[in-house]
Amino acid sequence: MDISCKVFSTILDIAPGDWNPLTLDIAHPFFTWSWLASLEESGSIGPQTGWDPRIITLWTSGESGPVLVAALPFYRRDTSWGELFFDFGWYDIARRLGSPYVPKLVATVPATPVKGLGVLTRGDLIEQGSEDEVTVWHTLVDQAEEIVAEERLAQIAFLFLDDRFAAFLRDRGYHLWGHHQFIWQNRNYPDFDSYVEQVFRKNQRRNIRRECRVNRESGFSFRAIPGDEAPPEAWQSMYRFYDRTNTQFGPMAARFLTPRFFSILGGYKPEYISLLAAYGDSHRGASSGGAAPGREWKADPEAMAFLGDSGRGLFGRYWGTETDRGFLHFNLCYYQPQAWAIERGMEFFDPGVGSMHKVRRGFESRMVYSAHRFSDPDMSNLWSRVIPELNRETRIAIQGLNAQMPIRREAGEAGFGYPGNPDQSSDREGPREKGAD
């Protein structure tokens, strides 16, 4: 296959019809053209906010002209703010060493800490595991490393990696740094009540049922509105809740999206987004706590959550509320997505980073990797010595969190608490074999 390379400074210069065939086989929906375009069009992402795009694309010849066969969005950055993998301690270490840490070239979806990053390829033209796939991966990473050299950048980083691509980068000599994330897995539960009964010990079963019951008795009901059916006022409401939550966190807020992002994204009618809304007792006809939600939008929700929806799984991203009524967060952001995933036969629910409350509510801990290569040999040598020990400590912490889960002995013996991560108990740096996201 003859391949040519082109680097774009904006996703808007690439046609959706060329880009979206690359995203059909990936684990999450946030590489979709309309998502990346909404980030740029809204002013949320761009050089003005510290995200300077370098979108590397590979093309081949087709009967009707050039065909985009592979791509990966990179961004030139002078900070790590918004990457959400928390490497700020390394800035101080680099300063003490007198080594540069930025500027850097980063492959990621901006402000989206979701596992699954890898080279986007046309599955109908490049077979997974084939020599063509390996060639394309090497070609694209070679081009990224050329940009680092030409622009004299301090490092190149790939964040929240797919296991196969992590192993590939490890074999190219990259440092793999492990990070903790939560995941919920649907082990073919017939319904939410059966999941609670099968998995949790008696006291925690009682706690979860009480948390669902309190919201139900308070009159709350829930609706999951598909993104392609959500009216403009639903997107406006979602921004209001997003803004309210970030205002509560003050300087620690993660306010990376502008108001226009929500309206622009809504205009694209994204099938891969669902808006989960909670209503007080003035609304009836939706689901109550612990049951899969209805789907019709009604005005004036008291809380909302923003979910990615790949068909295979759900991805919790944002939420907000106008009420302090008890356990609403647990119901809207944990139990309702779990119930909905079970009803739809989905494989998993990624709830987003943080919150130790997830340990007691069915979310298992796993390792996800970033990959790094430094221009300065002193920094590279330091990582070679330090990162294996950091990864070992993270694995121990993950095993400790999974051991704290209040699950029944039968669930633990069936593997609950040790999700499909081939490196969960290994001392080796990086995934040992192919793994599902």
Protein backbone atom coordinates (compact mmCIF):
# COMPACT_ATOMS: atom_id res chain seq x y z
CA MET A 1 0.00 0.00 0.00
CA ASP A 2 1.41 3.36 -1.11
CA ILE A 3 0.96 5.92 1.67
CA SER A 4 1.40 9.68 1.81
CA CYS A 5 1.28 11.83 4.93
CA LYS A 6 -0.37 15.18 5.56
CA VAL A 7 -0.53 17.16 8.81
CA PHE A 8 -3.56 19.38 9.44
CA SER A 9 -3.81 22.30 11.84
CA THR A 10 -7.57 21.84 12.33
CA ILE A 11 -10.05 18.98 12.10
CA LEU A 12 -12.31 21.36 10.17
CA ASP A 13 -10.09 20.96 7.08
CA ILE A 14 -10.84 17.23 6.98
CA ALA A 15 -14.20 16.13 5.59
CA PRO A 16 -16.41 14.17 8.00
CA GLY A 17 -16.93 11.58 5.28
CA ASP A 18 -13.18 10.97 5.18
CA TRP A 19 -12.67 11.00 8.96
CA ASN A 20 -15.58 9.06 10.42
CA PRO A 21 -14.84 5.70 8.71
CA LEU A 22 -11.69 5.66 10.86
CA THR A 23 -13.75 5.71 14.07
CA LEU A 24 -16.09 2.76 13.51
CA ASP A 25 -14.08 0.14 15.41
CA ILE A 26 -12.75 2.11 18.40
CA ALA A 27 -13.87 1.59 21.97
CA HIS A 28 -15.23 5.08 22.65
CA PRO A 29 -17.01 7.73 20.55
CA PHE A 30 -14.91 10.82 21.33
CA PHE A 31 -12.76 10.62 18.19
CA THR A 32 -15.88 11.21 16.08
CA TRP A 33 -15.51 14.20 13.73
CA SER A 34 -18.43 16.14 15.21
CA TRP A 35 -16.98 15.86 18.74
CA LEU A 36 -13.54 17.15 17.72
CA ALA A 37 -15.11 19.79 15.46
CA SER A 38 -17.38 21.02 18.26
CA LEU A 39 -14.34 21.45 20.51
CA GLU A 40 -12.65 23.62 17.90
CA GLU A 41 -15.69 25.51 16.57
CA SER A 42 -16.76 26.48 20.07
CA GLY A 43 -13.35 27.88 21.02
CA SER A 44 -12.99 25.25 23.75
CA ILE A 45 -9.91 23.79 22.07
CA GLY A 46 -7.36 25.57 19.90
CA PRO A 47 -4.11 27.54 20.08
CA GLN A 48 -5.91 30.21 22.13
CA THR A 49 -6.59 27.68 24.91
CA GLY A 50 -3.22 25.93 24.79
CA TRP A 51 -4.19 23.14 22.38
CA ASP A 52 -2.44 23.69 19.03
CA PRO A 53 -3.57 20.86 16.69
CA ARG A 54 -1.17 18.73 14.66
CA ILE A 55 -3.51 16.15 13.16
CA ILE A 56 -1.42 13.52 11.39
CA THR A 57 -3.19 11.73 8.53
CA LEU A 58 -2.13 8.97 6.13
CA TRP A 59 -3.65 8.67 2.66
CA THR A 60 -3.62 6.17 -0.17
CA SER A 61 -4.91 6.32 -3.73
CA GLY A 62 -8.46 5.24 -4.50
CA GLU A 63 -10.57 5.02 -7.62
CA SER A 64 -12.23 8.36 -6.87
CA GLY A 65 -9.18 10.10 -5.39
CA PRO A 66 -7.20 10.06 -2.16
CA VAL A 67 -8.55 7.85 0.65
CA LEU A 68 -7.83 8.57 4.30
CA VAL A 69 -6.64 5.28 5.80
CA ALA A 70 -5.22 6.33 9.19
CA ALA A 71 -4.97 9.33 11.49
CA LEU A 72 -4.36 10.47 15.04
CA PRO A 73 -4.94 13.92 16.57
CA PHE A 74 -1.90 15.44 18.28
CA TYR A 75 -1.63 18.81 20.01
CA ARG A 76 1.36 20.98 20.74
CA ARG A 77 1.15 22.00 24.39
CA ASP A 78 3.02 24.19 26.88
CA THR A 79 1.11 22.83 29.89
CA SER A 80 -0.62 19.65 31.05
CA TRP A 81 -3.74 21.44 32.30
CA GLY A 82 -6.76 19.74 30.77
CA GLU A 83 -5.05 16.44 29.99
CA LEU A 84 -6.37 14.95 33.24
CA PHE A 85 -3.59 12.46 33.84
CA PHE A 86 -1.90 14.61 36.47
CA ASP A 87 1.84 14.77 35.75
CA PHE A 88 2.42 18.12 37.43
CA GLY A 89 4.99 16.67 39.83
CA TRP A 90 7.24 15.94 36.87
CA TYR A 91 7.41 19.65 36.07
CA ASP A 92 9.10 20.29 39.40
CA ILE A 93 11.46 17.34 38.94
CA ALA A 94 12.42 18.56 35.46
CA ARG A 95 13.06 22.04 36.82
CA ARG A 96 15.36 20.66 39.50
CA LEU A 97 17.23 18.61 36.91
CA GLY A 98 17.50 21.56 34.57
CA SER A 99 15.71 19.46 31.93
CA PRO A 100 12.88 20.67 29.68
CA TYR A 101 9.46 19.09 30.15
CA VAL A 102 7.49 21.31 27.76
CA PRO A 103 6.67 22.19 25.03
CA LYS A 104 5.43 18.74 24.12
CA LEU A 105 3.42 16.91 21.48
CA VAL A 106 0.45 15.05 22.96
CA ALA A 107 -1.84 12.48 21.33
CA THR A 108 -5.20 12.52 23.08
CA VAL A 109 -8.79 13.68 22.92
CA PRO A 110 -8.59 17.03 24.75
CA ALA A 111 -10.01 17.06 28.28
CA THR A 112 -11.31 13.50 27.86
CA PRO A 113 -9.65 10.90 30.13
CA VAL A 114 -11.08 7.81 28.41
CA LYS A 115 -9.05 4.68 27.68
CA GLY A 116 -8.75 3.58 24.06
CA LEU A 117 -6.25 5.81 22.25
CA GLY A 118 -4.61 4.23 19.23
CA VAL A 119 -4.04 4.94 15.57
CA LEU A 120 -7.44 5.37 13.88
CA THR A 121 -7.59 3.15 10.80
CA ARG A 122 -10.02 2.14 8.07
CA GLY A 123 -11.03 -1.33 9.18
CA ASP A 124 -12.27 -2.24 5.71
CA LEU A 125 -8.84 -1.50 4.21
CA ILE A 126 -6.41 -2.36 7.03
CA GLU A 127 -7.00 -5.63 8.85
CA GLN A 128 -6.36 -5.67 12.61
CA GLY A 129 -3.10 -7.44 13.41
CA SER A 130 -1.90 -7.37 9.81
CA GLU A 131 1.48 -6.24 8.50
CA ASP A 132 -0.28 -3.27 6.89
CA GLU A 133 -1.54 -2.18 10.30
CA VAL A 134 1.94 -2.36 11.84
CA THR A 135 3.39 -0.44 8.90
CA VAL A 136 0.77 2.28 9.25
CA TRP A 137 1.39 2.56 13.00
CA HIS A 138 5.14 2.92 12.49
CA THR A 139 4.66 5.46 9.69
CA LEU A 140 2.36 7.65 11.75
CA VAL A 141 4.53 7.55 14.88
CA ASP A 142 7.62 8.25 12.76
CA GLN A 143 5.89 11.40 11.48
CA ALA A 144 4.99 12.49 15.01
CA GLU A 145 8.61 12.04 16.12
CA GLU A 146 9.74 14.12 13.14
CA ILE A 147 7.50 16.96 14.32
CA VAL A 148 9.07 16.73 17.78
CA ALA A 149 12.54 17.00 16.24
CA GLU A 150 11.64 19.79 13.79
CA GLU A 151 9.92 21.92 16.42
CA ARG A 152 12.52 21.06 19.09
CA LEU A 153 9.96 19.85 21.58
CA ALA A 154 10.86 18.37 24.96
CA GLN A 155 8.74 15.20 24.67
CA ILE A 156 6.02 13.28 22.91
CA ALA A 157 3.21 11.66 24.92
CA PHE A 158 0.29 9.35 24.14
CA LEU A 159 -2.46 9.36 26.80
CA PHE A 160 -5.08 6.78 27.93
CA LEU A 161 -3.84 4.07 25.60
CA ASP A 162 -5.52 1.06 24.10
CA ASP A 163 -3.66 -2.05 25.32
CA ARG A 164 -2.47 -3.12 21.87
CA PHE A 165 -1.09 0.30 21.03
CA ALA A 166 0.52 0.57 24.47
CA ALA A 167 2.41 -2.67 23.80
CA PHE A 168 3.45 -1.37 20.37
CA LEU A 169 4.86 1.85 21.84
CA ARG A 170 6.62 -0.06 24.60
CA ASP A 171 8.35 -2.12 21.93
CA ARG A 172 9.43 1.12 20.22
CA GLY A 173 11.21 2.12 23.41
CA TYR A 174 8.63 4.38 24.99
CA HIS A 175 8.25 4.66 28.76
CA LEU A 176 4.83 3.32 29.83
CA TRP A 177 3.42 5.03 32.90
CA GLY A 178 0.46 3.32 34.58
CA HIS A 179 -2.53 5.21 36.01
CA HIS A 180 -5.55 4.11 38.00
CA GLN A 181 -9.05 4.20 36.53
CA PHE A 182 -12.45 2.74 37.43
CA ILE A 183 -14.57 0.50 35.23
CA TRP A 184 -17.91 -1.30 35.69
CA GLN A 185 -18.46 -4.51 33.75
CA ASN A 186 -21.77 -6.10 32.85
CA ARG A 187 -21.43 -9.81 33.52
CA ASN A 188 -24.70 -10.69 31.79
CA TYR A 189 -26.94 -9.56 34.64
CA PRO A 190 -30.66 -9.97 33.82
CA ASP A 191 -31.53 -6.69 35.57
CA PHE A 192 -30.24 -4.19 38.13
CA ASP A 193 -31.78 -5.95 41.13
CA SER A 194 -30.15 -9.24 40.11
CA TYR A 195 -26.80 -7.46 39.77
CA VAL A 196 -27.06 -6.08 43.31
CA GLU A 197 -28.13 -9.45 44.68
CA GLN A 198 -25.41 -11.46 42.89
CA VAL A 199 -22.46 -9.15 43.55
CA PHE A 200 -22.69 -7.43 46.94
CA ARG A 201 -22.55 -8.59 50.52
CA LYS A 202 -25.66 -8.22 52.66
CA ASN A 203 -24.87 -4.83 54.23
CA GLN A 204 -23.96 -3.21 50.92
CA ARG A 205 -27.02 -4.68 49.20
CA ARG A 206 -29.10 -2.98 51.89
CA ASN A 207 -27.20 0.31 51.45
CA ILE A 208 -27.61 0.40 47.66
CA ARG A 209 -31.31 -0.44 47.86
CA ARG A 210 -31.78 2.26 50.49
CA GLU A 211 -30.02 4.84 48.31
CA CYS A 212 -32.29 3.97 45.40
CA ARG A 213 -35.38 3.93 47.64
CA VAL A 214 -34.66 7.38 49.13
CA ASN A 215 -34.70 8.98 45.69
CA ARG A 216 -37.80 7.05 44.68
CA GLU A 217 -39.66 8.05 47.83
CA SER A 218 -38.55 11.66 47.28
CA GLY A 219 -40.42 11.57 43.97
CA PHE A 220 -37.43 11.45 41.63
CA SER A 221 -37.67 9.88 38.20
CA PHE A 222 -35.09 9.64 35.42
CA ARG A 223 -34.99 9.99 31.65
CA ALA A 224 -32.18 9.20 29.18
CA ILE A 225 -32.50 11.43 26.12
CA PRO A 226 -30.55 10.31 23.01
CA GLY A 227 -28.33 13.07 21.66
CA ASP A 228 -29.94 12.95 18.22
CA GLU A 229 -33.36 13.55 19.82
CA ALA A 230 -32.40 16.15 22.44
CA PRO A 231 -33.86 19.61 21.71
CA PRO A 232 -31.76 22.80 22.04
CA GLU A 233 -33.09 23.51 25.54
CA ALA A 234 -31.75 20.14 26.74
CA TRP A 235 -28.22 21.10 25.67
CA GLN A 236 -28.63 24.52 27.27
CA SER A 237 -29.70 22.87 30.51
CA MET A 238 -26.72 20.51 30.38
CA TYR A 239 -24.34 23.46 30.09
CA ARG A 240 -26.03 25.15 33.06
CA PHE A 241 -25.43 22.07 35.21
CA TYR A 242 -21.86 21.69 33.90
CA ASP A 243 -21.14 25.31 34.78
CA ARG A 244 -22.76 25.00 38.21
CA THR A 245 -20.63 22.00 39.14
CA ASN A 246 -17.41 23.70 38.05
CA THR A 247 -18.31 26.88 39.93
CA GLN A 248 -18.59 24.81 43.12
CA PHE A 249 -15.00 23.61 42.72
CA GLY A 250 -13.52 27.09 42.29
CA PRO A 251 -9.82 27.05 41.23
CA MET A 252 -9.88 23.24 41.10
CA ALA A 253 -12.65 23.23 38.49
CA ALA A 254 -12.30 21.44 35.15
CA ARG A 255 -14.16 24.03 33.09
CA PHE A 256 -12.72 23.33 29.64
CA LEU A 257 -15.90 23.65 27.55
CA THR A 258 -17.53 26.91 26.49
CA PRO A 259 -21.33 27.38 26.38
CA ARG A 260 -21.16 27.20 22.57
CA PHE A 261 -19.72 23.69 22.72
CA PHE A 262 -23.02 22.28 23.96
CA SER A 263 -25.15 24.11 21.40
CA ILE A 264 -22.81 23.26 18.51
CA LEU A 265 -22.57 19.61 19.48
CA GLY A 266 -26.34 19.44 19.85
CA GLY A 267 -26.69 20.84 16.35
CA TYR A 268 -24.78 17.84 15.01
CA LYS A 269 -27.44 15.52 16.53
CA PRO A 270 -24.82 13.18 18.03
CA GLU A 271 -26.13 9.63 18.32
CA TYR A 272 -23.15 8.81 20.53
CA ILE A 273 -24.25 11.10 23.40
CA SER A 274 -27.07 10.59 25.89
CA LEU A 275 -28.32 13.16 28.38
CA LEU A 276 -29.58 11.62 31.60
CA ALA A 277 -32.02 13.87 33.45
CA ALA A 278 -33.48 13.64 36.97
CA TYR A 279 -36.90 15.13 37.70
CA GLY A 280 -38.68 15.88 40.94
CA ASP A 281 -42.20 14.71 41.78
CA SER A 282 -43.84 17.16 39.35
CA HIS A 283 -42.85 14.81 36.48
CA ARG A 284 -44.20 11.31 36.14
CA GLY A 285 -43.88 8.48 33.67
CA ALA A 286 -40.11 8.02 33.74
CA SER A 287 -38.18 5.44 35.71
CA SER A 288 -37.46 5.49 39.42
CA GLY A 289 -34.25 4.54 41.23
CA GLY A 290 -32.77 1.21 40.15
CA ALA A 291 -34.83 0.89 36.96
CA ALA A 292 -33.70 1.69 33.43
CA PRO A 293 -34.74 5.26 32.49
CA GLY A 294 -37.32 6.57 30.03
CA ARG A 295 -36.20 8.72 27.08
CA GLU A 296 -38.53 11.68 26.51
CA TRP A 297 -37.17 15.15 27.32
CA LYS A 298 -39.14 17.25 29.79
CA ALA A 299 -38.26 20.79 30.82
CA ASP A 300 -36.78 21.83 34.16
CA PRO A 301 -34.82 18.81 35.40
CA GLU A 302 -33.28 19.10 38.85
CA ALA A 303 -30.04 17.36 37.77
CA MET A 304 -28.41 16.07 34.59
CA ALA A 305 -25.55 13.82 33.54
CA PHE A 306 -23.74 13.74 30.18
CA LEU A 307 -22.85 10.27 28.87
CA GLY A 308 -20.90 9.02 25.89
CA ASP A 309 -22.60 6.04 24.27
CA SER A 310 -20.62 3.74 21.96
CA GLY A 311 -23.24 1.01 21.76
CA ARG A 312 -20.78 -1.28 23.55
CA GLY A 313 -20.52 0.88 26.64
CA LEU A 314 -21.32 4.14 28.43
CA PHE A 315 -18.88 6.88 29.45
CA GLY A 316 -19.69 9.28 32.28
CA ARG A 317 -18.40 12.77 31.55
CA TYR A 318 -20.24 15.67 33.26
CA TRP A 319 -23.02 16.20 35.74
CA GLY A 320 -24.67 18.87 37.86
CA THR A 321 -27.60 19.42 40.20
CA GLU A 322 -29.74 22.17 41.65
CA THR A 323 -30.72 20.19 44.73
CA ASP A 324 -28.92 18.68 47.71
CA ARG A 325 -31.36 15.82 48.18
CA GLY A 326 -29.56 12.69 49.31
CA PHE A 327 -27.98 10.09 47.03
CA LEU A 328 -29.05 11.81 43.80
CA HIS A 329 -25.46 11.77 42.52
CA PHE A 330 -25.15 8.02 43.15
CA ASN A 331 -28.44 7.34 41.38
CA LEU A 332 -27.95 9.61 38.38
CA CYS A 333 -24.25 8.92 37.78
CA TYR A 334 -23.85 5.30 38.97
CA TYR A 335 -27.02 3.25 39.36
CA GLN A 336 -29.07 4.58 36.46
CA PRO A 337 -26.25 4.10 33.89
CA GLN A 338 -25.60 0.60 35.29
CA ALA A 339 -29.30 -0.26 35.00
CA TRP A 340 -29.48 1.17 31.49
CA ALA A 341 -26.34 -0.71 30.40
CA ILE A 342 -27.83 -3.95 31.70
CA GLU A 343 -31.12 -3.33 29.90
CA ARG A 344 -29.32 -2.66 26.61
CA GLY A 345 -26.86 -5.54 26.95
CA MET A 346 -23.83 -3.24 27.06
CA GLU A 347 -20.44 -4.57 28.09
CA PHE A 348 -19.20 -1.84 30.41
CA PHE A 349 -19.63 1.60 31.95
CA ASP A 350 -16.64 3.93 32.37
CA PRO A 351 -17.77 6.39 35.06
CA GLY A 352 -14.91 8.89 34.69
CA VAL A 353 -11.94 9.64 36.91
CA GLY A 354 -11.90 10.04 40.67
CA SER A 355 -14.24 9.46 43.64
CA MET A 356 -13.54 6.62 46.04
CA HIS A 357 -17.33 6.22 46.44
CA LYS A 358 -17.14 4.05 43.32
CA VAL A 359 -15.25 1.30 45.15
CA ARG A 360 -18.36 0.40 47.15
CA ARG A 361 -20.74 0.64 44.19
CA GLY A 362 -19.45 -1.99 41.83
CA PHE A 363 -16.66 -0.16 40.01
CA GLU A 364 -13.47 -2.18 39.68
CA SER A 365 -10.04 -0.59 39.47
CA ARG A 366 -7.72 -1.12 36.52
CA MET A 367 -4.46 0.17 35.07
CA VAL A 368 -4.40 2.39 32.00
CA TYR A 369 -1.18 3.60 30.41
CA SER A 370 0.35 6.70 28.92
CA ALA A 371 3.52 6.48 26.79
CA HIS A 372 6.36 9.03 26.80
CA ARG A 373 9.62 9.70 25.01
CA PHE A 374 11.91 12.58 26.01
CA SER A 375 14.38 14.57 23.97
CA ASP A 376 16.62 15.12 26.99
CA PRO A 377 18.61 11.96 27.89
CA ASP A 378 18.74 12.87 31.59
CA MET A 379 14.95 12.88 31.83
CA SER A 380 14.73 9.67 29.82
CA ASN A 381 17.25 7.95 32.09
CA LEU A 382 15.34 9.09 35.18
CA TRP A 383 12.09 7.64 33.84
CA SER A 384 13.84 4.35 33.05
CA ARG A 385 14.78 4.06 36.73
CA VAL A 386 11.66 5.47 38.38
CA ILE A 387 8.64 4.49 36.27
CA PRO A 388 8.84 0.70 36.85
CA GLU A 389 8.64 1.27 40.61
CA LEU A 390 5.80 3.78 40.25
CA ASN A 391 3.90 1.27 38.12
CA ARG A 392 4.47 -1.45 40.71
CA GLU A 393 3.08 0.80 43.45
CA THR A 394 0.06 1.66 41.31
CA ARG A 395 -0.65 -2.02 40.71
CA ILE A 396 -0.48 -2.67 44.44
CA ALA A 397 -2.87 0.23 45.08
CA ILE A 398 -5.27 -1.11 42.45
CA GLN A 399 -5.23 -4.56 44.00
CA GLY A 400 -5.89 -2.95 47.38
CA LEU A 401 -8.89 -1.01 46.07
CA ASN A 402 -10.35 -4.11 44.46
CA ALA A 403 -9.83 -6.02 47.70
CA GLN A 404 -11.89 -3.38 49.54
CA MET A 405 -14.95 -3.90 47.36
CA PRO A 406 -17.88 -5.18 49.49
CA ILE A 407 -18.59 -8.12 47.21
CA ARG A 408 -19.77 -11.63 47.95
CA ARG A 409 -17.22 -14.43 48.05
CA GLU A 410 -18.85 -16.06 45.03
CA ALA A 411 -18.42 -12.87 42.98
CA GLY A 412 -14.76 -12.64 43.92
CA GLU A 413 -14.16 -16.27 43.03
CA ALA A 414 -15.77 -15.62 39.64
CA GLY A 415 -13.20 -12.88 38.95
CA PHE A 416 -15.10 -9.80 40.07
CA GLY A 417 -12.58 -7.19 41.18
CA TYR A 418 -10.02 -8.15 38.56
CA PRO A 419 -11.31 -6.82 35.23
CA GLY A 420 -9.96 -7.76 31.81
CA ASN A 421 -6.55 -6.16 32.17
CA PRO A 422 -3.69 -8.53 31.29
CA ASP A 423 -1.22 -6.56 33.38
CA GLN A 424 -3.27 -6.47 36.59
CA SER A 425 -0.86 -8.63 38.60
CA SER A 426 2.31 -8.43 36.51
CA ASP A 427 5.53 -6.68 37.46
CA ARG A 428 6.34 -6.08 33.82
CA GLU A 429 6.05 -2.51 32.54
CA GLY A 430 3.10 -2.45 30.21
CA PRO A 431 0.50 -4.87 28.85
CA ARG A 432 1.82 -8.37 28.18
CA GLU A 433 -0.73 -9.40 25.58
CA LYS A 434 -3.75 -8.25 23.65
CA GLY A 435 -6.52 -6.90 25.86
CA ALA A 436 -10.02 -5.59 25.43
CA ASP A 437 -10.72 -2.04 26.43
